N, C-alpha and C. Protein backbone atom coordinates (compact mmCIF):
# COMPACT_ATOMS: atom_id res chain seq x y z
N UNK A 1 0.85 -1.18 0.00
CA UNK A 1 0.00 0.00 0.00
C UNK A 1 0.89 1.24 0.00
N UNK A 2 0.60 2.16 -0.90
CA UNK A 2 1.36 3.41 -0.96
C UNK A 2 1.16 4.18 0.35
N UNK A 3 2.17 4.94 0.70
CA UNK A 3 2.07 5.76 1.90
C UNK A 3 0.89 6.72 1.78
N UNK A 4 0.14 6.84 2.83
CA UNK A 4 -1.06 7.69 2.81
C UNK A 4 -0.75 9.13 2.41
N UNK A 5 0.32 9.68 2.93
CA UNK A 5 0.63 11.08 2.66
C UNK A 5 0.92 11.36 1.20
N UNK A 6 1.24 10.34 0.43
CA UNK A 6 1.54 10.51 -1.00
C UNK A 6 0.30 10.34 -1.87
N UNK A 7 -0.80 9.91 -1.28
CA UNK A 7 -2.02 9.67 -2.04
C UNK A 7 -2.85 10.94 -2.15
N UNK A 8 -3.79 10.94 -3.08
CA UNK A 8 -4.69 12.08 -3.28
C UNK A 8 -6.11 11.68 -2.87
N UNK A 9 -6.87 12.66 -2.44
CA UNK A 9 -8.26 12.43 -2.09
C UNK A 9 -9.08 12.18 -3.35
N UNK A 10 -10.11 11.36 -3.19
CA UNK A 10 -11.06 11.14 -4.28
C UNK A 10 -12.36 11.87 -3.92
N UNK A 11 -13.10 12.25 -4.93
CA UNK A 11 -14.36 12.97 -4.69
C UNK A 11 -15.34 12.06 -3.96
N UNK A 12 -16.02 12.59 -2.97
CA UNK A 12 -17.01 11.84 -2.19
C UNK A 12 -18.40 12.39 -2.44
N UNK A 13 -19.36 11.48 -2.35
CA UNK A 13 -20.77 11.85 -2.40
C UNK A 13 -21.45 11.20 -1.21
N UNK A 14 -22.70 11.49 -1.02
CA UNK A 14 -23.44 10.93 0.11
C UNK A 14 -23.50 9.41 0.10
N UNK A 15 -23.31 8.79 -1.07
CA UNK A 15 -23.33 7.32 -1.12
C UNK A 15 -21.93 6.70 -1.17
N UNK A 16 -20.88 7.50 -0.93
CA UNK A 16 -19.52 6.95 -0.86
C UNK A 16 -19.41 6.06 0.37
N UNK A 17 -18.63 4.99 0.27
CA UNK A 17 -18.53 4.07 1.40
C UNK A 17 -17.66 4.61 2.53
N UNK A 18 -18.08 4.33 3.73
CA UNK A 18 -17.24 4.61 4.90
C UNK A 18 -16.17 3.53 4.96
N UNK A 19 -15.06 3.84 5.63
CA UNK A 19 -14.03 2.82 5.79
C UNK A 19 -14.56 1.73 6.72
N UNK A 20 -14.21 0.51 6.41
CA UNK A 20 -14.60 -0.64 7.22
C UNK A 20 -13.56 -0.88 8.31
N UNK A 21 -13.93 -1.64 9.31
CA UNK A 21 -13.02 -1.92 10.44
C UNK A 21 -11.70 -2.51 9.94
N UNK A 22 -11.77 -3.41 8.97
CA UNK A 22 -10.54 -4.03 8.44
C UNK A 22 -9.64 -2.99 7.77
N UNK A 23 -10.24 -2.02 7.11
CA UNK A 23 -9.46 -0.95 6.47
C UNK A 23 -8.82 -0.06 7.53
N UNK A 24 -9.56 0.22 8.59
CA UNK A 24 -9.03 1.05 9.67
C UNK A 24 -7.79 0.39 10.28
N UNK A 25 -7.84 -0.93 10.44
CA UNK A 25 -6.69 -1.67 10.99
C UNK A 25 -5.47 -1.49 10.10
N UNK A 26 -5.66 -1.46 8.79
CA UNK A 26 -4.55 -1.30 7.85
C UNK A 26 -4.05 0.14 7.77
N UNK A 27 -4.94 1.09 7.86
CA UNK A 27 -4.58 2.50 7.69
C UNK A 27 -4.03 3.15 8.96
N UNK A 28 -4.53 2.76 10.11
CA UNK A 28 -4.17 3.42 11.37
C UNK A 28 -2.68 3.41 11.70
N UNK A 29 -1.92 2.36 11.38
CA UNK A 29 -0.49 2.40 11.71
C UNK A 29 0.27 3.54 11.02
N UNK A 30 -0.27 4.07 9.92
CA UNK A 30 0.40 5.18 9.24
C UNK A 30 0.10 6.53 9.91
N UNK A 31 -0.87 6.55 10.79
CA UNK A 31 -1.20 7.77 11.54
C UNK A 31 -1.37 7.41 13.03
N UNK A 32 -0.30 6.89 13.65
CA UNK A 32 -0.42 6.31 15.00
C UNK A 32 -0.83 7.27 16.11
N UNK A 33 -0.64 8.57 15.91
CA UNK A 33 -0.95 9.53 16.97
C UNK A 33 -2.37 10.09 16.90
N UNK A 34 -3.14 9.60 15.95
CA UNK A 34 -4.52 10.04 15.78
C UNK A 34 -5.45 9.11 16.54
N UNK A 35 -6.53 9.67 17.04
CA UNK A 35 -7.57 8.89 17.74
C UNK A 35 -8.86 8.93 16.94
N UNK A 36 -9.58 7.83 16.97
CA UNK A 36 -10.92 7.82 16.40
C UNK A 36 -11.88 8.12 17.54
N UNK A 37 -12.64 9.19 17.38
CA UNK A 37 -13.57 9.62 18.42
C UNK A 37 -14.97 9.71 17.84
N UNK A 38 -15.95 9.62 18.70
CA UNK A 38 -17.35 9.81 18.29
C UNK A 38 -17.77 11.20 18.76
N UNK A 39 -18.18 12.03 17.82
CA UNK A 39 -18.69 13.36 18.14
C UNK A 39 -19.93 13.61 17.30
N UNK A 40 -20.97 14.04 17.95
CA UNK A 40 -22.23 14.33 17.27
C UNK A 40 -22.70 13.13 16.44
N UNK A 41 -22.47 11.94 16.97
CA UNK A 41 -22.93 10.71 16.32
C UNK A 41 -22.11 10.27 15.12
N UNK A 42 -20.92 10.88 14.93
CA UNK A 42 -20.07 10.55 13.79
C UNK A 42 -18.67 10.17 14.27
N UNK A 43 -18.06 9.22 13.57
CA UNK A 43 -16.67 8.89 13.83
C UNK A 43 -15.79 9.94 13.17
N UNK A 44 -14.76 10.38 13.91
CA UNK A 44 -13.83 11.38 13.40
C UNK A 44 -12.42 11.02 13.81
N UNK A 45 -11.46 11.42 13.01
CA UNK A 45 -10.05 11.33 13.39
C UNK A 45 -9.71 12.64 14.08
N UNK A 46 -9.02 12.54 15.23
CA UNK A 46 -8.74 13.75 15.99
C UNK A 46 -7.33 13.67 16.58
N UNK A 47 -6.64 14.81 16.53
CA UNK A 47 -5.30 14.88 17.11
C UNK A 47 -5.05 16.30 17.58
N UNK A 48 -4.31 16.42 18.67
CA UNK A 48 -3.88 17.72 19.18
C UNK A 48 -2.38 17.84 18.93
N UNK A 49 -2.00 18.92 18.27
CA UNK A 49 -0.59 19.22 18.01
C UNK A 49 -0.15 20.34 18.95
N UNK A 50 1.05 20.20 19.51
CA UNK A 50 1.59 21.21 20.43
C UNK A 50 2.68 22.02 19.72
N UNK A 51 2.70 23.33 20.01
CA UNK A 51 3.67 24.25 19.43
C UNK A 51 4.20 25.16 20.53
N UNK A 52 5.38 25.76 20.31
CA UNK A 52 5.96 26.60 21.36
C UNK A 52 5.29 27.95 21.54
N UNK A 53 4.46 28.36 20.57
CA UNK A 53 3.82 29.67 20.69
C UNK A 53 2.64 29.76 19.72
N UNK A 54 1.97 30.88 19.75
CA UNK A 54 0.79 31.06 18.90
C UNK A 54 1.15 31.17 17.43
N UNK A 55 2.27 31.84 17.11
CA UNK A 55 2.63 32.03 15.71
C UNK A 55 2.90 30.70 15.00
N UNK A 56 3.56 29.77 15.67
CA UNK A 56 3.80 28.44 15.07
C UNK A 56 2.47 27.71 14.90
N UNK A 57 1.60 27.81 15.89
CA UNK A 57 0.29 27.17 15.79
C UNK A 57 -0.50 27.75 14.62
N UNK A 58 -0.43 29.05 14.47
CA UNK A 58 -1.15 29.71 13.37
C UNK A 58 -0.55 29.35 12.02
N UNK A 59 0.77 29.27 11.93
CA UNK A 59 1.45 28.86 10.70
C UNK A 59 0.98 27.46 10.29
N UNK A 60 0.96 26.56 11.26
CA UNK A 60 0.49 25.20 11.02
C UNK A 60 -0.97 25.21 10.54
N UNK A 61 -1.82 25.95 11.22
CA UNK A 61 -3.23 26.03 10.86
C UNK A 61 -3.40 26.50 9.42
N UNK A 62 -2.66 27.52 9.04
CA UNK A 62 -2.76 28.05 7.68
C UNK A 62 -2.29 27.04 6.64
N UNK A 63 -1.24 26.31 6.95
CA UNK A 63 -0.73 25.30 6.01
C UNK A 63 -1.72 24.14 5.87
N UNK A 64 -2.35 23.74 6.96
CA UNK A 64 -3.38 22.70 6.88
C UNK A 64 -4.56 23.23 6.05
N UNK A 65 -4.91 24.47 6.27
CA UNK A 65 -5.98 25.09 5.48
C UNK A 65 -5.67 25.09 4.00
N UNK A 66 -4.41 25.34 3.65
CA UNK A 66 -4.01 25.35 2.24
C UNK A 66 -4.19 23.97 1.60
N UNK A 67 -3.73 22.90 2.27
CA UNK A 67 -3.87 21.57 1.66
C UNK A 67 -5.33 21.14 1.63
N UNK A 68 -6.09 21.57 2.62
CA UNK A 68 -7.51 21.23 2.66
C UNK A 68 -8.24 21.86 1.49
N UNK A 69 -7.92 23.11 1.21
CA UNK A 69 -8.58 23.81 0.11
C UNK A 69 -8.21 23.17 -1.23
N UNK A 70 -6.95 22.80 -1.39
CA UNK A 70 -6.51 22.16 -2.63
C UNK A 70 -7.19 20.82 -2.84
N UNK A 71 -7.40 20.09 -1.74
CA UNK A 71 -8.01 18.76 -1.82
C UNK A 71 -9.54 18.84 -1.88
N UNK A 72 -10.10 19.98 -1.53
CA UNK A 72 -11.55 20.09 -1.45
C UNK A 72 -12.11 19.28 -0.30
N UNK A 73 -11.31 19.12 0.75
CA UNK A 73 -11.69 18.32 1.92
C UNK A 73 -11.23 19.09 3.15
N UNK A 74 -12.16 19.51 3.99
CA UNK A 74 -11.86 20.48 5.03
C UNK A 74 -12.07 19.92 6.44
N UNK A 75 -11.11 20.16 7.33
CA UNK A 75 -11.22 19.69 8.71
C UNK A 75 -11.85 20.74 9.63
N UNK A 76 -12.07 20.33 10.85
CA UNK A 76 -12.35 21.28 11.92
C UNK A 76 -11.00 21.60 12.54
N UNK A 77 -10.72 22.87 12.69
CA UNK A 77 -9.44 23.33 13.26
C UNK A 77 -9.72 24.26 14.43
N UNK A 78 -9.11 23.99 15.57
CA UNK A 78 -9.19 24.87 16.72
C UNK A 78 -7.77 25.30 17.06
N UNK A 79 -7.48 26.57 16.81
CA UNK A 79 -6.14 27.12 17.04
C UNK A 79 -6.14 27.90 18.34
N UNK A 80 -5.21 27.52 19.21
CA UNK A 80 -5.06 28.18 20.51
C UNK A 80 -3.59 28.48 20.71
N UNK A 81 -3.27 29.20 21.78
CA UNK A 81 -1.87 29.46 22.07
C UNK A 81 -1.18 28.12 22.33
N UNK A 82 -0.21 27.79 21.48
CA UNK A 82 0.60 26.60 21.70
C UNK A 82 -0.01 25.27 21.29
N UNK A 83 -1.20 25.28 20.70
CA UNK A 83 -1.76 24.01 20.26
C UNK A 83 -2.84 24.21 19.21
N UNK A 84 -2.99 23.16 18.41
CA UNK A 84 -4.04 23.13 17.39
C UNK A 84 -4.69 21.76 17.45
N UNK A 85 -6.01 21.75 17.54
CA UNK A 85 -6.78 20.50 17.49
C UNK A 85 -7.33 20.37 16.09
N UNK A 86 -7.05 19.20 15.48
CA UNK A 86 -7.49 18.94 14.11
C UNK A 86 -8.42 17.74 14.12
N UNK A 87 -9.56 17.86 13.47
CA UNK A 87 -10.50 16.75 13.31
C UNK A 87 -10.82 16.58 11.84
N UNK A 88 -10.64 15.35 11.35
CA UNK A 88 -10.99 15.01 9.97
C UNK A 88 -12.12 14.02 9.96
N UNK A 89 -13.11 14.25 9.14
CA UNK A 89 -14.17 13.29 8.85
C UNK A 89 -14.83 13.76 7.57
N UNK A 90 -15.58 12.90 6.97
CA UNK A 90 -16.22 13.24 5.70
C UNK A 90 -17.66 13.62 5.97
N UNK A 91 -17.94 14.89 5.84
CA UNK A 91 -19.25 15.44 6.16
C UNK A 91 -20.37 14.77 5.36
N UNK A 92 -20.11 14.53 4.07
CA UNK A 92 -21.18 14.01 3.20
C UNK A 92 -21.63 12.61 3.58
N UNK A 93 -20.77 11.83 4.26
CA UNK A 93 -21.16 10.48 4.67
C UNK A 93 -21.33 10.37 6.19
N UNK A 94 -21.06 11.45 6.89
CA UNK A 94 -21.24 11.46 8.34
C UNK A 94 -20.33 10.48 9.07
N UNK A 95 -19.12 10.34 8.57
CA UNK A 95 -18.17 9.42 9.20
C UNK A 95 -16.84 9.44 8.49
N UNK A 96 -16.11 8.33 8.60
CA UNK A 96 -14.76 8.26 8.07
C UNK A 96 -14.68 7.63 6.69
N UNK A 97 -13.90 8.25 5.84
CA UNK A 97 -13.58 7.77 4.50
C UNK A 97 -12.06 7.68 4.42
N UNK A 98 -11.54 6.97 3.45
CA UNK A 98 -10.09 6.89 3.29
C UNK A 98 -9.47 8.27 3.16
N UNK A 99 -10.19 9.22 2.55
CA UNK A 99 -9.68 10.59 2.42
C UNK A 99 -9.25 11.17 3.76
N UNK A 100 -9.97 10.84 4.82
CA UNK A 100 -9.65 11.38 6.14
C UNK A 100 -8.30 10.89 6.63
N UNK A 101 -8.00 9.64 6.34
CA UNK A 101 -6.71 9.07 6.72
C UNK A 101 -5.59 9.69 5.89
N UNK A 102 -5.85 9.91 4.60
CA UNK A 102 -4.88 10.56 3.72
C UNK A 102 -4.57 11.96 4.25
N UNK A 103 -5.60 12.71 4.56
CA UNK A 103 -5.39 14.08 5.02
C UNK A 103 -4.75 14.13 6.41
N UNK A 104 -5.05 13.16 7.26
CA UNK A 104 -4.39 13.10 8.57
C UNK A 104 -2.89 12.88 8.38
N UNK A 105 -2.51 12.00 7.46
CA UNK A 105 -1.09 11.76 7.19
C UNK A 105 -0.42 13.01 6.63
N UNK A 106 -1.10 13.72 5.75
CA UNK A 106 -0.56 14.96 5.21
C UNK A 106 -0.42 16.02 6.31
N UNK A 107 -1.36 16.03 7.25
CA UNK A 107 -1.31 16.96 8.38
C UNK A 107 -0.10 16.67 9.25
N UNK A 108 0.19 15.38 9.47
CA UNK A 108 1.39 15.01 10.24
C UNK A 108 2.66 15.51 9.56
N UNK A 109 2.71 15.42 8.24
CA UNK A 109 3.89 15.91 7.51
C UNK A 109 4.05 17.42 7.70
N UNK A 110 2.94 18.14 7.64
CA UNK A 110 3.00 19.59 7.84
C UNK A 110 3.51 19.91 9.24
N UNK A 111 3.03 19.18 10.24
CA UNK A 111 3.47 19.41 11.62
C UNK A 111 4.98 19.23 11.74
N UNK A 112 5.51 18.22 11.07
CA UNK A 112 6.96 17.98 11.10
C UNK A 112 7.71 19.14 10.46
N UNK A 113 7.21 19.64 9.35
CA UNK A 113 7.85 20.76 8.66
C UNK A 113 7.81 22.03 9.50
N UNK A 114 6.68 22.30 10.14
CA UNK A 114 6.56 23.50 10.98
C UNK A 114 7.47 23.38 12.18
N UNK A 115 7.58 22.21 12.76
CA UNK A 115 8.43 22.00 13.94
C UNK A 115 9.91 22.20 13.59
N UNK A 116 10.31 21.81 12.38
CA UNK A 116 11.71 21.94 11.95
C UNK A 116 12.08 23.37 11.61
N UNK A 117 11.08 24.18 11.23
CA UNK A 117 11.29 25.56 10.81
C UNK A 117 11.65 26.42 12.02
N UNK A 118 12.70 27.15 11.90
CA UNK A 118 13.15 28.01 13.01
C UNK A 118 12.47 29.36 12.96
């Protein structure tokens, strides 16, 4: 299986399939720091990233926003001093799609780049 972060999102519709438990088992090791949570009756991928200050958190938020806009797949982002909470799920299906795992992996890459930047 190709690395998630190198894959592209596919267009989703209301009848797109949610990921199955067996798929989650295969995909989750590539995003080990993410949790699957239930919010508002939907499964979501969620992770909190820590940063040394607000500017780094904001830089990260903006970069995640850029990839989200390019992919046409948008997360919930909560930016605070020193941390950003990111939640990915597919709104049209009310749960998780492979796209969410792809975008979570891309988000991890952005976090690494922001952390390395002085």
